[in-house]
Amino acid sequence: MTGRRIVVTGAFGALGAAVARAAAAGGERLALLDFAPAPPDSLVADCGPGAIVLPGVDLTDPAAASRAMDAAAAGLGGIDALLNIAGGFAWETLDGGDPATWDRLYRMNVATASNACRAALPHLRASPAGRIVNVGANAALRSGAGMGAYAASKAGVHRLTESLAEELKGDGITVNAVLPSILDTPANRADMPKADPALWVSPTELSAVILFLASEPASAVTGALVPVMGRV
């Protein structure tokens, strides 16, 4: 798998940065995309001088997504794998909640993934082993109170993954998604101070599953929604 050309969206966040670091450690060539204006200093150093860094990319805009994927492909000499890490979360009950939250999470989770996939497809079709890996959520399989908008948006990611896998079967491109439970991130630790993070999924653990699905040996896996539950 060494030397594959990988685009990571949401690369400046906790999970995206973990995926990028793990890929770089494995010898992959990276393009790091994020809506944020600048990456963490350590991320660029960890990913090496050859990493393509594309900040300020609004993947909810199809034209911006297209420009970013073209720039990534130009910098890397093509794209072998697209890892859609970009997304967002909000806990909010329907009663008394803001209807705009549903639109916002749809844009952050579904639109970013679909726009990135569409923009990357011409480049992935040119790869001998094109891969797309999306990030869904276990919460979208059976939701709970306050999780409606988030679960609905991640369910959209699941259906996008399944549909696109069928669409691209003839192109040699696989499309899969990981479905984590609770990620062990600083934000989740702050939001749930009484929980035991040892039971959660670490970004390193989830990165390993994502990178396997992005690898050439994973060619027989497509349309899969892979639960990554930790000990939850």
C-alpha atoms as a PDB file:
ATOM      1  CA  MET A   1       0.000   0.000   0.000  1.00  0.00           C
ATOM      2  CA  THR A   2       3.009   2.284   0.455  1.00  0.00           C
ATOM      3  CA  GLY A   3       3.014   5.391  -1.692  1.00  0.00           C
ATOM      4  CA  ARG A   4      -0.707   5.541  -2.394  1.00  0.00           C
ATOM      5  CA  ARG A   5      -2.155   8.998  -2.974  1.00  0.00           C
ATOM      6  CA  ILE A   6      -4.734   9.705  -0.294  1.00  0.00           C
ATOM      7  CA  VAL A   7      -7.028  12.690   0.258  1.00  0.00           C
ATOM      8  CA  VAL A   8      -8.240  13.209   3.819  1.00  0.00           C
ATOM      9  CA  THR A   9     -11.123  15.634   4.367  1.00  0.00           C
ATOM     10  CA  GLY A  10     -11.589  17.097   7.834  1.00  0.00           C
ATOM     11  CA  ALA A  11      -7.877  16.472   8.232  1.00  0.00           C
ATOM     12  CA  PHE A  12      -7.260  19.127  10.880  1.00  0.00           C
ATOM     13  CA  GLY A  13      -9.643  17.603  13.458  1.00  0.00           C
ATOM     14  CA  ALA A  14      -8.998  14.869  16.027  1.00  0.00           C
ATOM     15  CA  LEU A  15      -9.918  11.895  13.827  1.00  0.00           C
ATOM     16  CA  GLY A  16      -8.726  13.366  10.539  1.00  0.00           C
ATOM     17  CA  ALA A  17      -5.332  14.200  11.994  1.00  0.00           C
ATOM     18  CA  ALA A  18      -5.009  10.701  13.460  1.00  0.00           C
ATOM     19  CA  VAL A  19      -5.826   9.143  10.094  1.00  0.00           C
ATOM     20  CA  ALA A  20      -3.373  11.448   8.321  1.00  0.00           C
ATOM     21  CA  ARG A  21      -0.560  10.672  10.770  1.00  0.00           C
ATOM     22  CA  ALA A  22      -1.158   6.930  10.515  1.00  0.00           C
ATOM     23  CA  ALA A  23      -1.200   7.091   6.717  1.00  0.00           C
ATOM     24  CA  ALA A  24       1.981   9.164   6.630  1.00  0.00           C
ATOM     25  CA  ALA A  25       3.692   6.716   8.983  1.00  0.00           C
ATOM     26  CA  GLY A  26       2.797   3.976   6.494  1.00  0.00           C
ATOM     27  CA  GLY A  27       4.478   5.826   3.656  1.00  0.00           C
ATOM     28  CA  GLU A  28       1.388   7.208   1.954  1.00  0.00           C
ATOM     29  CA  ARG A  29       1.286  10.532   0.098  1.00  0.00           C
ATOM     30  CA  LEU A  30      -1.322  12.904   1.470  1.00  0.00           C
ATOM     31  CA  ALA A  31      -3.545  15.835   0.632  1.00  0.00           C
ATOM     32  CA  LEU A  32      -5.036  17.358   3.778  1.00  0.00           C
ATOM     33  CA  LEU A  33      -8.322  19.245   3.323  1.00  0.00           C
ATOM     34  CA  ASP A  34     -10.263  21.136   5.964  1.00  0.00           C
ATOM     35  CA  PHE A  35     -12.677  24.032   6.383  1.00  0.00           C
ATOM     36  CA  ALA A  36     -10.459  25.456   9.141  1.00  0.00           C
ATOM     37  CA  PRO A  37      -8.075  28.230   8.087  1.00  0.00           C
ATOM     38  CA  ALA A  38      -4.886  26.483   9.220  1.00  0.00           C
ATOM     39  CA  PRO A  39      -3.726  23.032  10.347  1.00  0.00           C
ATOM     40  CA  PRO A  40      -2.164  22.258  13.711  1.00  0.00           C
ATOM     41  CA  ASP A  41       1.585  22.897  13.418  1.00  0.00           C
ATOM     42  CA  SER A  42       2.482  19.372  14.453  1.00  0.00           C
ATOM     43  CA  LEU A  43       0.269  17.814  11.778  1.00  0.00           C
ATOM     44  CA  VAL A  44       2.214  19.279   8.874  1.00  0.00           C
ATOM     45  CA  ALA A  45       5.499  18.226  10.461  1.00  0.00           C
ATOM     46  CA  ASP A  46       4.212  14.706  11.111  1.00  0.00           C
ATOM     47  CA  CYS A  47       2.927  14.282   7.561  1.00  0.00           C
ATOM     48  CA  GLY A  48       6.159  15.418   5.956  1.00  0.00           C
ATOM     49  CA  PRO A  49       7.122  18.160   3.510  1.00  0.00           C
ATOM     50  CA  GLY A  50       5.426  16.410   0.602  1.00  0.00           C
ATOM     51  CA  ALA A  51       1.914  16.710   2.055  1.00  0.00           C
ATOM     52  CA  ILE A  52      -0.494  18.945   0.151  1.00  0.00           C
ATOM     53  CA  VAL A  53      -2.259  21.234   2.634  1.00  0.00           C
ATOM     54  CA  LEU A  54      -5.569  22.775   1.524  1.00  0.00           C
ATOM     55  CA  PRO A  55      -7.187  24.893   4.274  1.00  0.00           C
ATOM     56  CA  GLY A  56     -10.414  26.877   4.061  1.00  0.00           C
ATOM     57  CA  VAL A  57     -12.193  24.375   1.777  1.00  0.00           C
ATOM     58  CA  ASP A  58     -15.997  24.500   2.058  1.00  0.00           C
ATOM     59  CA  LEU A  59     -17.066  21.045   0.938  1.00  0.00           C
ATOM     60  CA  THR A  60     -20.733  22.003   1.203  1.00  0.00           C
ATOM     61  CA  ASP A  61     -20.068  23.963  -2.020  1.00  0.00           C
ATOM     62  CA  PRO A  62     -19.764  21.588  -5.021  1.00  0.00           C
ATOM     63  CA  ALA A  63     -17.568  24.030  -6.937  1.00  0.00           C
ATOM     64  CA  ALA A  64     -15.184  24.414  -3.989  1.00  0.00           C
ATOM     65  CA  ALA A  65     -15.045  20.637  -3.607  1.00  0.00           C
ATOM     66  CA  SER A  66     -14.173  20.256  -7.280  1.00  0.00           C
ATOM     67  CA  ARG A  67     -11.397  22.840  -7.095  1.00  0.00           C
ATOM     68  CA  ALA A  68      -9.953  21.189  -3.994  1.00  0.00           C
ATOM     69  CA  MET A  69      -9.931  17.679  -5.485  1.00  0.00           C
ATOM     70  CA  ASP A  70      -8.348  18.950  -8.685  1.00  0.00           C
ATOM     71  CA  ALA A  71      -5.659  20.725  -6.644  1.00  0.00           C
ATOM     72  CA  ALA A  72      -5.059  17.589  -4.578  1.00  0.00           C
ATOM     73  CA  ALA A  73      -4.770  15.445  -7.695  1.00  0.00           C
ATOM     74  CA  ALA A  74      -2.421  17.926  -9.327  1.00  0.00           C
ATOM     75  CA  GLY A  75      -0.188  17.988  -6.259  1.00  0.00           C
ATOM     76  CA  LEU A  76      -0.151  14.227  -5.744  1.00  0.00           C
ATOM     77  CA  GLY A  77      -0.195  13.174  -9.376  1.00  0.00           C
ATOM     78  CA  GLY A  78      -3.619  11.559  -8.955  1.00  0.00           C
ATOM     79  CA  ILE A  79      -5.905  10.214  -6.229  1.00  0.00           C
ATOM     80  CA  ASP A  80      -6.073   6.581  -5.106  1.00  0.00           C
ATOM     81  CA  ALA A  81      -8.246   6.987  -2.014  1.00  0.00           C
ATOM     82  CA  LEU A  82     -10.684   9.529  -0.607  1.00  0.00           C
ATOM     83  CA  LEU A  83     -11.243   9.415   3.155  1.00  0.00           C
ATOM     84  CA  ASN A  84     -14.271  11.504   4.088  1.00  0.00           C
ATOM     85  CA  ILE A  85     -13.629  12.437   7.708  1.00  0.00           C
ATOM     86  CA  ALA A  86     -15.236  15.902   7.551  1.00  0.00           C
ATOM     87  CA  GLY A  87     -18.472  16.180   9.516  1.00  0.00           C
ATOM     88  CA  GLY A  88     -20.140  17.501  12.609  1.00  0.00           C
ATOM     89  CA  PHE A  89     -22.289  16.660  15.635  1.00  0.00           C
ATOM     90  CA  ALA A  90     -25.009  18.329  17.662  1.00  0.00           C
ATOM     91  CA  TRP A  91     -27.179  17.010  20.493  1.00  0.00           C
ATOM     92  CA  GLU A  92     -30.594  18.615  20.434  1.00  0.00           C
ATOM     93  CA  THR A  93     -34.116  17.430  21.154  1.00  0.00           C
ATOM     94  CA  LEU A  94     -36.783  18.050  18.552  1.00  0.00           C
ATOM     95  CA  ASP A  95     -39.103  19.738  21.027  1.00  0.00           C
ATOM     96  CA  GLY A  96     -37.652  23.166  21.572  1.00  0.00           C
ATOM     97  CA  GLY A  97     -34.777  22.578  19.189  1.00  0.00           C
ATOM     98  CA  ASP A  98     -33.800  24.679  16.196  1.00  0.00           C
ATOM     99  CA  PRO A  99     -35.075  23.374  12.835  1.00  0.00           C
ATOM    100  CA  ALA A 100     -31.935  24.814  11.263  1.00  0.00           C
ATOM    101  CA  THR A 101     -29.870  22.164  13.076  1.00  0.00           C
ATOM    102  CA  TRP A 102     -31.239  19.506  10.731  1.00  0.00           C
ATOM    103  CA  ASP A 103     -30.159  21.462   7.669  1.00  0.00           C
ATOM    104  CA  ARG A 104     -26.767  22.247   9.194  1.00  0.00           C
ATOM    105  CA  LEU A 105     -25.957  18.626  10.025  1.00  0.00           C
ATOM    106  CA  TYR A 106     -27.160  17.479   6.611  1.00  0.00           C
ATOM    107  CA  ARG A 107     -24.723  19.927   5.011  1.00  0.00           C
ATOM    108  CA  MET A 108     -21.857  19.003   7.342  1.00  0.00           C
ATOM    109  CA  ASN A 109     -22.254  15.234   7.073  1.00  0.00           C
ATOM    110  CA  VAL A 110     -24.066  14.311   3.856  1.00  0.00           C
ATOM    111  CA  ALA A 111     -23.299  17.217   1.522  1.00  0.00           C
ATOM    112  CA  THR A 112     -19.596  17.267   2.349  1.00  0.00           C
ATOM    113  CA  ALA A 113     -19.284  13.540   1.628  1.00  0.00           C
ATOM    114  CA  SER A 114     -21.365  13.558  -1.553  1.00  0.00           C
ATOM    115  CA  ASN A 115     -19.647  16.650  -2.960  1.00  0.00           C
ATOM    116  CA  ALA A 116     -16.188  15.276  -2.180  1.00  0.00           C
ATOM    117  CA  CYS A 117     -17.046  11.922  -3.779  1.00  0.00           C
ATOM    118  CA  ARG A 118     -18.436  13.512  -6.912  1.00  0.00           C
ATOM    119  CA  ALA A 119     -15.410  15.774  -7.295  1.00  0.00           C
ATOM    120  CA  ALA A 120     -12.923  12.953  -6.702  1.00  0.00           C
ATOM    121  CA  LEU A 121     -14.514  10.420  -9.062  1.00  0.00           C
ATOM    122  CA  PRO A 122     -12.689  11.424 -12.266  1.00  0.00           C
ATOM    123  CA  HIS A 123      -9.387  11.001 -10.451  1.00  0.00           C
ATOM    124  CA  LEU A 124     -10.364   7.778  -8.657  1.00  0.00           C
ATOM    125  CA  ARG A 125     -11.415   6.220 -11.951  1.00  0.00           C
ATOM    126  CA  ALA A 126      -7.858   6.728 -13.194  1.00  0.00           C
ATOM    127  CA  SER A 127      -6.448   4.787 -10.216  1.00  0.00           C
ATOM    128  CA  PRO A 128      -5.873   1.033 -10.489  1.00  0.00           C
ATOM    129  CA  ALA A 129      -7.437   0.596  -7.026  1.00  0.00           C
ATOM    130  CA  GLY A 130      -9.744   3.499  -6.188  1.00  0.00           C
ATOM    131  CA  ARG A 131     -11.136   3.624  -2.649  1.00  0.00           C
ATOM    132  CA  ILE A 132     -13.689   5.769  -0.824  1.00  0.00           C
ATOM    133  CA  VAL A 133     -14.163   5.471   2.929  1.00  0.00           C
ATOM    134  CA  ASN A 134     -16.895   7.452   4.678  1.00  0.00           C
ATOM    135  CA  VAL A 135     -17.540   7.954   8.382  1.00  0.00           C
ATOM    136  CA  GLY A 136     -21.040   6.978   9.448  1.00  0.00           C
ATOM    137  CA  ALA A 137     -22.184   6.385  13.016  1.00  0.00           C
ATOM    138  CA  ASN A 138     -23.488   3.556  15.130  1.00  0.00           C
ATOM    139  CA  ALA A 139     -26.051   6.048  16.450  1.00  0.00           C
ATOM    140  CA  ALA A 140     -27.649   6.057  13.008  1.00  0.00           C
ATOM    141  CA  LEU A 141     -28.580   2.382  13.375  1.00  0.00           C
ATOM    142  CA  ARG A 142     -30.694   3.008  16.457  1.00  0.00           C
ATOM    143  CA  SER A 143     -30.948   6.563  17.644  1.00  0.00           C
ATOM    144  CA  GLY A 144     -31.670   8.042  21.059  1.00  0.00           C
ATOM    145  CA  ALA A 145     -33.172  11.183  22.528  1.00  0.00           C
ATOM    146  CA  GLY A 146     -31.517  14.319  21.233  1.00  0.00           C
ATOM    147  CA  MET A 147     -29.759  12.436  18.443  1.00  0.00           C
ATOM    148  CA  GLY A 148     -32.396  12.827  15.734  1.00  0.00           C
ATOM    149  CA  ALA A 149     -30.697  15.376  13.474  1.00  0.00           C
ATOM    150  CA  TYR A 150     -27.269  13.784  13.802  1.00  0.00           C
ATOM    151  CA  ALA A 151     -28.530  10.233  13.318  1.00  0.00           C
ATOM    152  CA  ALA A 152     -30.619  11.239  10.309  1.00  0.00           C
ATOM    153  CA  SER A 153     -27.619  12.877   8.658  1.00  0.00           C
ATOM    154  CA  LYS A 154     -25.359   9.914   9.325  1.00  0.00           C
ATOM    155  CA  ALA A 155     -28.055   7.556   8.023  1.00  0.00           C
ATOM    156  CA  GLY A 156     -27.778   9.603   4.842  1.00  0.00           C
ATOM    157  CA  VAL A 157     -24.052   8.847   4.768  1.00  0.00           C
ATOM    158  CA  HIS A 158     -24.853   5.135   5.122  1.00  0.00           C
ATOM    159  CA  ARG A 159     -27.271   5.170   2.198  1.00  0.00           C
ATOM    160  CA  LEU A 160     -24.843   7.250   0.116  1.00  0.00           C
ATOM    161  CA  THR A 161     -22.154   4.643   0.795  1.00  0.00           C
ATOM    162  CA  GLU A 162     -24.365   1.726  -0.253  1.00  0.00           C
ATOM    163  CA  SER A 163     -25.706   3.478  -3.348  1.00  0.00           C
ATOM    164  CA  LEU A 164     -22.320   4.662  -4.552  1.00  0.00           C
ATOM    165  CA  ALA A 165     -20.796   1.222  -4.004  1.00  0.00           C
ATOM    166  CA  GLU A 166     -23.379  -0.210  -6.401  1.00  0.00           C
ATOM    167  CA  GLU A 167     -22.885   2.651  -8.845  1.00  0.00           C
ATOM    168  CA  LEU A 168     -19.114   2.162  -9.003  1.00  0.00           C
ATOM    169  CA  LYS A 169     -18.854  -1.630  -9.036  1.00  0.00           C
ATOM    170  CA  GLY A 170     -17.901  -1.605 -12.692  1.00  0.00           C
ATOM    171  CA  ASP A 171     -15.175   0.991 -12.157  1.00  0.00           C
ATOM    172  CA  GLY A 172     -13.063  -0.960  -9.697  1.00  0.00           C
ATOM    173  CA  ILE A 173     -13.722   1.614  -6.966  1.00  0.00           C
ATOM    174  CA  THR A 174     -14.844   0.361  -3.572  1.00  0.00           C
ATOM    175  CA  VAL A 175     -16.995   2.459  -1.238  1.00  0.00           C
ATOM    176  CA  ASN A 176     -17.328   1.610   2.434  1.00  0.00           C
ATOM    177  CA  ALA A 177     -18.098   3.322   5.739  1.00  0.00           C
ATOM    178  CA  VAL A 178     -16.995   2.892   9.327  1.00  0.00           C
ATOM    179  CA  LEU A 179     -19.623   3.198  12.068  1.00  0.00           C
ATOM    180  CA  PRO A 180     -17.935   4.212  15.326  1.00  0.00           C
ATOM    181  CA  SER A 181     -19.650   4.422  18.696  1.00  0.00           C
ATOM    182  CA  ILE A 182     -18.056   7.148  20.857  1.00  0.00           C
ATOM    183  CA  LEU A 183     -14.665   8.480  19.837  1.00  0.00           C
ATOM    184  CA  ASP A 184     -12.123   9.253  22.529  1.00  0.00           C
ATOM    185  CA  THR A 185     -11.523  12.920  21.743  1.00  0.00           C
ATOM    186  CA  PRO A 186     -10.887  15.939  23.969  1.00  0.00           C
ATOM    187  CA  ALA A 187     -14.341  17.300  23.082  1.00  0.00           C
ATOM    188  CA  ASN A 188     -16.118  14.086  24.083  1.00  0.00           C
ATOM    189  CA  ARG A 189     -14.156  13.851  27.323  1.00  0.00           C
ATOM    190  CA  ALA A 190     -15.198  17.413  28.159  1.00  0.00           C
ATOM    191  CA  ASP A 191     -18.849  16.729  27.301  1.00  0.00           C
ATOM    192  CA  MET A 192     -18.998  13.432  29.237  1.00  0.00           C
ATOM    193  CA  PRO A 193     -16.685  13.867  32.241  1.00  0.00           C
ATOM    194  CA  LYS A 194     -18.223  10.972  34.198  1.00  0.00           C
ATOM    195  CA  ALA A 195     -17.875   8.412  31.408  1.00  0.00           C
ATOM    196  CA  ASP A 196     -14.996   5.958  31.094  1.00  0.00           C
ATOM    197  CA  PRO A 197     -13.116   6.811  27.871  1.00  0.00           C
ATOM    198  CA  ALA A 198     -11.253   3.502  28.076  1.00  0.00           C
ATOM    199  CA  LEU A 199     -14.453   1.949  26.724  1.00  0.00           C
ATOM    200  CA  TRP A 200     -14.592   4.249  23.715  1.00  0.00           C
ATOM    201  CA  VAL A 201     -12.938   3.975  20.306  1.00  0.00           C
ATOM    202  CA  SER A 202      -9.598   5.723  20.043  1.00  0.00           C
ATOM    203  CA  PRO A 203      -8.811   7.686  16.869  1.00  0.00           C
ATOM    204  CA  THR A 204      -5.830   5.376  16.385  1.00  0.00           C
ATOM    205  CA  GLU A 205      -8.048   2.284  16.458  1.00  0.00           C
ATOM    206  CA  LEU A 206     -10.547   3.777  14.012  1.00  0.00           C
ATOM    207  CA  SER A 207      -7.742   4.972  11.741  1.00  0.00           C
ATOM    208  CA  ALA A 208      -6.501   1.403  11.369  1.00  0.00           C
ATOM    209  CA  VAL A 209      -9.908   0.234  10.110  1.00  0.00           C
ATOM    210  CA  ILE A 210     -10.250   3.196   7.752  1.00  0.00           C
ATOM    211  CA  LEU A 211      -6.811   2.651   6.263  1.00  0.00           C
ATOM    212  CA  PHE A 212      -7.451  -1.051   5.760  1.00  0.00           C
ATOM    213  CA  LEU A 213     -10.618  -0.255   3.801  1.00  0.00           C
ATOM    214  CA  ALA A 214      -8.555   2.229   1.761  1.00  0.00           C
ATOM    215  CA  SER A 215      -5.904  -0.357   0.960  1.00  0.00           C
ATOM    216  CA  GLU A 216      -5.426  -2.492  -2.124  1.00  0.00           C
ATOM    217  CA  PRO A 217      -5.951  -5.766  -0.154  1.00  0.00           C
ATOM    218  CA  ALA A 218      -9.489  -4.598   0.709  1.00  0.00           C
ATOM    219  CA  SER A 219     -10.604  -4.947  -2.905  1.00  0.00           C
ATOM    220  CA  ALA A 220     -13.289  -7.543  -2.061  1.00  0.00           C
ATOM    221  CA  VAL A 221     -15.047  -5.236   0.407  1.00  0.00           C
ATOM    222  CA  THR A 222     -17.527  -2.713  -0.938  1.00  0.00           C
ATOM    223  CA  GLY A 223     -20.864  -1.370   0.257  1.00  0.00           C
ATOM    224  CA  ALA A 224     -19.988  -2.389   3.815  1.00  0.00           C
ATOM    225  CA  LEU A 225     -21.027  -0.484   6.935  1.00  0.00           C
ATOM    226  CA  VAL A 226     -18.400  -1.604   9.426  1.00  0.00           C
ATOM    227  CA  PRO A 227     -19.248  -1.196  13.131  1.00  0.00           C
ATOM    228  CA  VAL A 228     -16.281  -0.024  15.228  1.00  0.00           C
ATOM    229  CA  MET A 229     -17.746  -0.107  18.697  1.00  0.00           C
ATOM    230  CA  GLY A 230     -14.852  -0.283  21.131  1.00  0.00           C
ATOM    231  CA  ARG A 231     -16.198  -1.567  24.441  1.00  0.00           C
ATOM    232  CA  VAL A 232     -19.353   0.564  24.475  1.00  0.00           C
END
